[in-house]
C-alpha cells in the first residue's frame, strides 16, 4: 500500500506543478481510518520529497475528524 500511495503522490505533485498550484507541506497531514483494532504502525507517505505527518485526528472545515470516525474530539473541542 505504501508504495502505491507514494507512487501516486508523485502524480499529484506533478498535477499541482502543471496547474501552477502549491501544497503547504507544513499544513498537510493524513489519517488512516480504521476500526477498533489498535495499529500504531506509522506509514511513511512522501509528497514533493517531504514526509507527511500521520495524525489521529484533524480539523477539516470546522469539524474534527478522527481515525475511528467518532465525535469524541469534535465534542471536546466544542
PDB file of N, CA and C in Angstrom:
ATOM      1  N   UNK A   1       0.817  -1.192   0.000  1.00  0.00           N
ATOM      2  CA  UNK A   1       0.000   0.000   0.000  1.00  0.00           C
ATOM      3  C   UNK A   1       0.862   1.258   0.000  1.00  0.00           C
ATOM      4  N   UNK A   2       1.911   1.251   0.796  1.00  0.00           N
ATOM      5  CA  UNK A   2       2.769   2.432   0.925  1.00  0.00           C
ATOM      6  C   UNK A   2       3.403   2.805  -0.416  1.00  0.00           C
ATOM      7  N   UNK A   3       3.865   1.797  -1.152  1.00  0.00           N
ATOM      8  CA  UNK A   3       4.469   2.069  -2.454  1.00  0.00           C
ATOM      9  C   UNK A   3       3.469   2.692  -3.424  1.00  0.00           C
ATOM     10  N   UNK A   4       2.248   2.200  -3.416  1.00  0.00           N
ATOM     11  CA  UNK A   4       1.217   2.735  -4.299  1.00  0.00           C
ATOM     12  C   UNK A   4       0.907   4.181  -3.957  1.00  0.00           C
ATOM     13  N   UNK A   5       0.751   4.480  -2.677  1.00  0.00           N
ATOM     14  CA  UNK A   5       0.453   5.848  -2.252  1.00  0.00           C
ATOM     15  C   UNK A   5       1.578   6.784  -2.648  1.00  0.00           C
ATOM     16  N   UNK A   6       2.813   6.386  -2.396  1.00  0.00           N
ATOM     17  CA  UNK A   6       3.941   7.250  -2.736  1.00  0.00           C
ATOM     18  C   UNK A   6       4.104   7.405  -4.244  1.00  0.00           C
ATOM     19  N   UNK A   7       3.816   6.360  -4.997  1.00  0.00           N
ATOM     20  CA  UNK A   7       3.882   6.460  -6.460  1.00  0.00           C
ATOM     21  C   UNK A   7       2.815   7.427  -6.977  1.00  0.00           C
ATOM     22  N   UNK A   8       1.617   7.342  -6.422  1.00  0.00           N
ATOM     23  CA  UNK A   8       0.541   8.236  -6.840  1.00  0.00           C
ATOM     24  C   UNK A   8       0.774   9.671  -6.372  1.00  0.00           C
ATOM     25  N   UNK A   9       1.450   9.855  -5.240  1.00  0.00           N
ATOM     26  CA  UNK A   9       1.722  11.211  -4.766  1.00  0.00           C
ATOM     27  C   UNK A   9       2.642  11.960  -5.730  1.00  0.00           C
ATOM     28  N   UNK A  10       3.477  11.249  -6.463  1.00  0.00           N
ATOM     29  CA  UNK A  10       4.306  11.882  -7.496  1.00  0.00           C
ATOM     30  C   UNK A  10       3.409  12.470  -8.580  1.00  0.00           C
ATOM     31  N   UNK A  11       2.366  11.718  -8.962  1.00  0.00           N
ATOM     32  CA  UNK A  11       1.418  12.225  -9.956  1.00  0.00           C
ATOM     33  C   UNK A  11       0.662  13.447  -9.432  1.00  0.00           C
ATOM     34  N   UNK A  12       0.315  13.427  -8.161  1.00  0.00           N
ATOM     35  CA  UNK A  12      -0.374  14.565  -7.541  1.00  0.00           C
ATOM     36  C   UNK A  12       0.530  15.793  -7.564  1.00  0.00           C
ATOM     37  N   UNK A  13       1.780  15.627  -7.175  1.00  0.00           N
ATOM     38  CA  UNK A  13       2.728  16.752  -7.178  1.00  0.00           C
ATOM     39  C   UNK A  13       2.929  17.284  -8.596  1.00  0.00           C
ATOM     40  N   UNK A  14       3.013  16.403  -9.578  1.00  0.00           N
ATOM     41  CA  UNK A  14       3.140  16.838 -10.975  1.00  0.00           C
ATOM     42  C   UNK A  14       1.913  17.622 -11.420  1.00  0.00           C
ATOM     43  N   UNK A  15       0.732  17.170 -11.024  1.00  0.00           N
ATOM     44  CA  UNK A  15      -0.508  17.850 -11.402  1.00  0.00           C
ATOM     45  C   UNK A  15      -0.545  19.256 -10.798  1.00  0.00           C
ATOM     46  N   UNK A  16      -0.135  19.376  -9.525  1.00  0.00           N
ATOM     47  CA  UNK A  16      -0.096  20.688  -8.886  1.00  0.00           C
ATOM     48  C   UNK A  16       0.860  21.616  -9.623  1.00  0.00           C
ATOM     49  N   UNK A  17       2.047  21.122  -9.977  1.00  0.00           N
ATOM     50  CA  UNK A  17       3.004  21.971 -10.697  1.00  0.00           C
ATOM     51  C   UNK A  17       2.472  22.353 -12.067  1.00  0.00           C
ATOM     52  N   UNK A  18       1.872  21.430 -12.789  1.00  0.00           N
ATOM     53  CA  UNK A  18       1.346  21.711 -14.130  1.00  0.00           C
ATOM     54  C   UNK A  18       0.239  22.754 -14.086  1.00  0.00           C
ATOM     55  N   UNK A  19      -0.494  22.812 -12.978  1.00  0.00           N
ATOM     56  CA  UNK A  19      -1.590  23.766 -12.844  1.00  0.00           C
ATOM     57  C   UNK A  19      -1.212  24.985 -12.003  1.00  0.00           C
ATOM     58  N   UNK A  20       0.098  25.152 -11.782  1.00  0.00           N
ATOM     59  CA  UNK A  20       0.654  26.307 -11.066  1.00  0.00           C
ATOM     60  C   UNK A  20       0.021  26.475  -9.681  1.00  0.00           C
ATOM     61  N   UNK A  21      -0.120  25.356  -8.981  1.00  0.00           N
ATOM     62  CA  UNK A  21      -0.633  25.345  -7.621  1.00  0.00           C
ATOM     63  C   UNK A  21       0.463  24.844  -6.689  1.00  0.00           C
ATOM     64  N   UNK A  22       0.303  25.107  -5.410  1.00  0.00           N
ATOM     65  CA  UNK A  22       1.292  24.627  -4.455  1.00  0.00           C
ATOM     66  C   UNK A  22       0.586  24.011  -3.255  1.00  0.00           C
ATOM     67  N   UNK A  23       1.289  23.144  -2.572  1.00  0.00           N
ATOM     68  CA  UNK A  23       0.786  22.482  -1.372  1.00  0.00           C
ATOM     69  C   UNK A  23       1.644  22.953  -0.211  1.00  0.00           C
ATOM     70  N   UNK A  24       0.991  23.410   0.858  1.00  0.00           N
ATOM     71  CA  UNK A  24       1.713  23.785   2.065  1.00  0.00           C
ATOM     72  C   UNK A  24       1.982  22.497   2.846  1.00  0.00           C
ATOM     73  N   UNK A  25       3.185  21.976   2.724  1.00  0.00           N
ATOM     74  CA  UNK A  25       3.553  20.704   3.342  1.00  0.00           C
ATOM     75  C   UNK A  25       3.422  20.771   4.866  1.00  0.00           C
ATOM     76  N   UNK A  26       3.679  21.937   5.456  1.00  0.00           N
ATOM     77  CA  UNK A  26       3.580  22.071   6.913  1.00  0.00           C
ATOM     78  C   UNK A  26       2.149  21.884   7.407  1.00  0.00           C
ATOM     79  N   UNK A  27       1.163  22.195   6.562  1.00  0.00           N
ATOM     80  CA  UNK A  27      -0.242  22.061   6.947  1.00  0.00           C
ATOM     81  C   UNK A  27      -0.876  20.780   6.410  1.00  0.00           C
ATOM     82  N   UNK A  28      -0.114  19.967   5.706  1.00  0.00           N
ATOM     83  CA  UNK A  28      -0.658  18.765   5.087  1.00  0.00           C
ATOM     84  C   UNK A  28      -0.342  17.553   5.948  1.00  0.00           C
ATOM     85  N   UNK A  29      -1.368  16.760   6.256  1.00  0.00           N
ATOM     86  CA  UNK A  29      -1.193  15.543   7.024  1.00  0.00           C
ATOM     87  C   UNK A  29      -2.168  14.502   6.499  1.00  0.00           C
ATOM     88  N   UNK A  30      -2.143  13.319   7.072  1.00  0.00           N
ATOM     89  CA  UNK A  30      -3.053  12.274   6.632  1.00  0.00           C
ATOM     90  C   UNK A  30      -3.515  11.432   7.805  1.00  0.00           C
ATOM     91  N   UNK A  31      -4.674  10.811   7.620  1.00  0.00           N
ATOM     92  CA  UNK A  31      -5.267   9.935   8.619  1.00  0.00           C
ATOM     93  C   UNK A  31      -5.505   8.578   7.968  1.00  0.00           C
ATOM     94  N   UNK A  32      -5.254   7.527   8.702  1.00  0.00           N
ATOM     95  CA  UNK A  32      -5.632   6.195   8.267  1.00  0.00           C
ATOM     96  C   UNK A  32      -6.870   5.823   9.070  1.00  0.00           C
ATOM     97  N   UNK A  33      -8.014   5.741   8.383  1.00  0.00           N
ATOM     98  CA  UNK A  33      -9.256   5.370   9.040  1.00  0.00           C
ATOM     99  C   UNK A  33      -9.243   3.874   9.301  1.00  0.00           C
ATOM    100  N   UNK A  34      -9.636   3.502  10.515  1.00  0.00           N
ATOM    101  CA  UNK A  34      -9.551   2.102  10.918  1.00  0.00           C
ATOM    102  C   UNK A  34     -10.706   1.762  11.834  1.00  0.00           C
ATOM    103  N   UNK A  35     -10.849   0.467  12.102  1.00  0.00           N
ATOM    104  CA  UNK A  35     -11.837   0.040  13.090  1.00  0.00           C
ATOM    105  C   UNK A  35     -11.203   0.061  14.467  1.00  0.00           C
ATOM    106  N   UNK A  36     -11.756  -0.602  15.412  1.00  0.00           N
ATOM    107  CA  UNK A  36     -11.274  -0.526  16.801  1.00  0.00           C
ATOM    108  C   UNK A  36      -9.994  -1.295  17.077  1.00  0.00           C
ATOM    109  N   UNK A  37      -9.434  -1.978  16.102  1.00  0.00           N
ATOM    110  CA  UNK A  37      -8.193  -2.711  16.347  1.00  0.00           C
ATOM    111  C   UNK A  37      -7.022  -1.739  16.421  1.00  0.00           C
ATOM    112  N   UNK A  38      -6.230  -1.807  17.483  1.00  0.00           N
ATOM    113  CA  UNK A  38      -5.099  -0.878  17.607  1.00  0.00           C
ATOM    114  C   UNK A  38      -3.995  -1.202  16.603  1.00  0.00           C
ATOM    115  N   UNK A  39      -3.522  -0.183  15.927  1.00  0.00           N
ATOM    116  CA  UNK A  39      -2.424  -0.358  14.978  1.00  0.00           C
ATOM    117  C   UNK A  39      -1.602   0.925  15.004  1.00  0.00           C
ATOM    118  N   UNK A  40      -0.520   0.915  15.750  1.00  0.00           N
ATOM    119  CA  UNK A  40       0.302   2.111  15.918  1.00  0.00           C
ATOM    120  C   UNK A  40       1.385   2.221  14.852  1.00  0.00           C
ATOM    121  N   UNK A  41       1.292   1.420  13.814  1.00  0.00           N
ATOM    122  CA  UNK A  41       2.309   1.409  12.770  1.00  0.00           C
ATOM    123  C   UNK A  41       2.208   2.680  11.921  1.00  0.00           C
ATOM    124  N   UNK A  42       3.302   3.395  11.821  1.00  0.00           N
ATOM    125  CA  UNK A  42       3.363   4.602  11.006  1.00  0.00           C
ATOM    126  C   UNK A  42       3.732   4.227   9.584  1.00  0.00           C
ATOM    127  N   UNK A  43       3.014   4.772   8.626  1.00  0.00           N
ATOM    128  CA  UNK A  43       3.287   4.511   7.219  1.00  0.00           C
ATOM    129  C   UNK A  43       3.890   5.785   6.628  1.00  0.00           C
ATOM    130  N   UNK A  44       5.130   5.735   6.154  1.00  0.00           N
ATOM    131  CA  UNK A  44       5.748   6.954   5.607  1.00  0.00           C
ATOM    132  C   UNK A  44       5.176   7.285   4.225  1.00  0.00           C
ATOM    133  N   UNK A  45       4.527   8.436   4.137  1.00  0.00           N
ATOM    134  CA  UNK A  45       3.990   8.910   2.869  1.00  0.00           C
ATOM    135  C   UNK A  45       4.726  10.192   2.510  1.00  0.00           C
ATOM    136  N   UNK A  46       5.242  10.231   1.295  1.00  0.00           N
ATOM    137  CA  UNK A  46       6.039  11.361   0.827  1.00  0.00           C
ATOM    138  C   UNK A  46       5.250  12.179  -0.196  1.00  0.00           C
ATOM    139  N   UNK A  47       5.452  13.495  -0.162  1.00  0.00           N
ATOM    140  CA  UNK A  47       4.903  14.394  -1.168  1.00  0.00           C
ATOM    141  C   UNK A  47       5.957  15.462  -1.424  1.00  0.00           C
ATOM    142  N   UNK A  48       6.392  15.573  -2.651  1.00  0.00           N
ATOM    143  CA  UNK A  48       7.447  16.528  -3.025  1.00  0.00           C
ATOM    144  C   UNK A  48       8.700  16.338  -2.177  1.00  0.00           C
ATOM    145  N   UNK A  49       9.096  15.094  -1.988  1.00  0.00           N
ATOM    146  CA  UNK A  49      10.296  14.724  -1.224  1.00  0.00           C
ATOM    147  C   UNK A  49      10.241  15.126   0.245  1.00  0.00           C
ATOM    148  N   UNK A  50       9.039  15.340   0.774  1.00  0.00           N
ATOM    149  CA  UNK A  50       8.866  15.631   2.193  1.00  0.00           C
ATOM    150  C   UNK A  50       7.905  14.605   2.771  1.00  0.00           C
ATOM    151  N   UNK A  51       8.217  14.115   3.970  1.00  0.00           N
ATOM    152  CA  UNK A  51       7.352  13.131   4.607  1.00  0.00           C
ATOM    153  C   UNK A  51       6.175  13.830   5.265  1.00  0.00           C
ATOM    154  N   UNK A  52       4.973  13.355   4.961  1.00  0.00           N
ATOM    155  CA  UNK A  52       3.771  13.905   5.569  1.00  0.00           C
ATOM    156  C   UNK A  52       3.586  13.319   6.948  1.00  0.00           C
ATOM    157  N   UNK A  53       2.940  14.082   7.822  1.00  0.00           N
ATOM    158  CA  UNK A  53       2.718  13.647   9.194  1.00  0.00           C
ATOM    159  C   UNK A  53       1.425  12.836   9.280  1.00  0.00           C
ATOM    160  N   UNK A  54       1.494  11.679   9.915  1.00  0.00           N
ATOM    161  CA  UNK A  54       0.296  10.890  10.168  1.00  0.00           C
ATOM    162  C   UNK A  54      -0.301  11.366  11.482  1.00  0.00           C
ATOM    163  N   UNK A  55      -1.592  11.690  11.484  1.00  0.00           N
ATOM    164  CA  UNK A  55      -2.264  12.182  12.681  1.00  0.00           C
ATOM    165  C   UNK A  55      -3.427  11.267  13.029  1.00  0.00           C
ATOM    166  N   UNK A  56      -3.843  11.312  14.271  1.00  0.00           N
ATOM    167  CA  UNK A  56      -5.000  10.533  14.721  1.00  0.00           C
ATOM    168  C   UNK A  56      -6.302  11.306  14.519  1.00  0.00           C
ATOM    169  N   UNK A  57      -6.215  12.648  14.509  1.00  0.00           N
ATOM    170  CA  UNK A  57      -7.385  13.478  14.241  1.00  0.00           C
ATOM    171  C   UNK A  57      -6.924  14.795  13.650  1.00  0.00           C
ATOM    172  N   UNK A  58      -7.837  15.444  12.913  1.00  0.00           N
ATOM    173  CA  UNK A  58      -7.535  16.738  12.305  1.00  0.00           C
ATOM    174  C   UNK A  58      -8.827  17.513  12.130  1.00  0.00           C
ATOM    175  N   UNK A  59      -8.711  18.812  12.022  1.00  0.00           N
ATOM    176  CA  UNK A  59      -9.881  19.649  11.811  1.00  0.00           C
ATOM    177  C   UNK A  59     -10.012  19.930  10.319  1.00  0.00           C
ATOM    178  N   UNK A  60     -11.198  19.709   9.781  1.00  0.00           N
ATOM    179  CA  UNK A  60     -11.474  19.927   8.363  1.00  0.00           C
ATOM    180  C   UNK A  60     -12.804  20.648   8.252  1.00  0.00           C
ATOM    181  N   UNK A  61     -12.770  21.861   7.710  1.00  0.00           N
ATOM    182  CA  UNK A  61     -13.972  22.686   7.563  1.00  0.00           C
ATOM    183  C   UNK A  61     -14.730  22.834   8.878  1.00  0.00           C
ATOM    184  N   UNK A  62     -13.987  22.992   9.982  1.00  0.00           N
ATOM    185  CA  UNK A  62     -14.587  23.221  11.289  1.00  0.00           C
ATOM    186  C   UNK A  62     -15.031  21.977  12.023  1.00  0.00           C
ATOM    187  N   UNK A  63     -14.865  20.822  11.424  1.00  0.00           N
ATOM    188  CA  UNK A  63     -15.258  19.568  12.061  1.00  0.00           C
ATOM    189  C   UNK A  63     -14.002  18.760  12.351  1.00  0.00           C
ATOM    190  N   UNK A  64     -13.873  18.292  13.583  1.00  0.00           N
ATOM    191  CA  UNK A  64     -12.727  17.464  13.946  1.00  0.00           C
ATOM    192  C   UNK A  64     -13.042  16.015  13.584  1.00  0.00           C
ATOM    193  N   UNK A  65     -12.224  15.452  12.703  1.00  0.00           N
ATOM    194  CA  UNK A  65     -12.385  14.087  12.228  1.00  0.00           C
ATOM    195  C   UNK A  65     -11.275  13.246  12.848  1.00  0.00           C
ATOM    196  N   UNK A  66     -11.640  12.087  13.394  1.00  0.00           N
ATOM    197  CA  UNK A  66     -10.598  11.218  13.954  1.00  0.00           C
ATOM    198  C   UNK A  66     -10.550   9.898  13.201  1.00  0.00           C
ATOM    199  N   UNK A  67      -9.513   9.129  13.461  1.00  0.00           N
ATOM    200  CA  UNK A  67      -9.267   7.900  12.711  1.00  0.00           C
ATOM    201  C   UNK A  67     -10.303   6.816  12.981  1.00  0.00           C
ATOM    202  N   UNK A  68     -11.028   6.923  14.088  1.00  0.00           N
ATOM    203  CA  UNK A  68     -12.068   5.945  14.411  1.00  0.00           C
ATOM    204  C   UNK A  68     -13.447   6.407  13.952  1.00  0.00           C
ATOM    205  N   UNK A  69     -13.513   7.584  13.343  1.00  0.00           N
ATOM    206  CA  UNK A  69     -14.763   8.179  12.877  1.00  0.00           C
ATOM    207  C   UNK A  69     -15.780   8.313  14.008  1.00  0.00           C
ATOM    208  N   UNK A  70     -15.298   8.817  15.153  1.00  0.00           N
ATOM    209  CA  UNK A  70     -16.187   9.117  16.281  1.00  0.00           C
ATOM    210  C   UNK A  70     -16.249  10.626  16.440  1.00  0.00           C
ATOM    211  N   UNK A  71     -17.126  11.082  17.286  1.00  0.00           N
ATOM    212  CA  UNK A  71     -17.281  12.521  17.519  1.00  0.00           C
ATOM    213  C   UNK A  71     -16.552  12.979  18.777  1.00  0.00           C
ATOM    214  N   UNK A  72     -15.791  12.109  19.437  1.00  0.00           N
ATOM    215  CA  UNK A  72     -15.169  12.430  20.720  1.00  0.00           C
ATOM    216  C   UNK A  72     -14.337  13.706  20.676  1.00  0.00           C
ATOM    217  N   UNK A  73     -13.421  13.828  19.745  1.00  0.00           N
ATOM    218  CA  UNK A  73     -12.547  15.008  19.680  1.00  0.00           C
ATOM    219  C   UNK A  73     -13.314  16.250  19.258  1.00  0.00           C
ATOM    220  N   UNK A  74     -14.294  16.107  18.392  1.00  0.00           N
ATOM    221  CA  UNK A  74     -15.100  17.254  17.976  1.00  0.00           C
ATOM    222  C   UNK A  74     -15.907  17.805  19.161  1.00  0.00           C
ATOM    223  N   UNK A  75     -16.514  16.907  19.933  1.00  0.00           N
ATOM    224  CA  UNK A  75     -17.285  17.331  21.091  1.00  0.00           C
ATOM    225  C   UNK A  75     -16.380  17.989  22.125  1.00  0.00           C
ATOM    226  N   UNK A  76     -15.175  17.438  22.300  1.00  0.00           N
ATOM    227  CA  UNK A  76     -14.215  18.014  23.251  1.00  0.00           C
ATOM    228  C   UNK A  76     -13.817  19.435  22.821  1.00  0.00           C
ATOM    229  N   UNK A  77     -13.693  19.672  21.515  1.00  0.00           N
ATOM    230  CA  UNK A  77     -13.321  21.000  21.010  1.00  0.00           C
ATOM    231  C   UNK A  77     -14.444  22.016  21.220  1.00  0.00           C
ATOM    232  N   UNK A  78     -15.671  21.557  21.127  1.00  0.00           N
ATOM    233  CA  UNK A  78     -16.818  22.473  21.282  1.00  0.00           C
ATOM    234  C   UNK A  78     -16.956  22.821  22.738  1.00  0.00           C
TER     235      UNK A  78
END
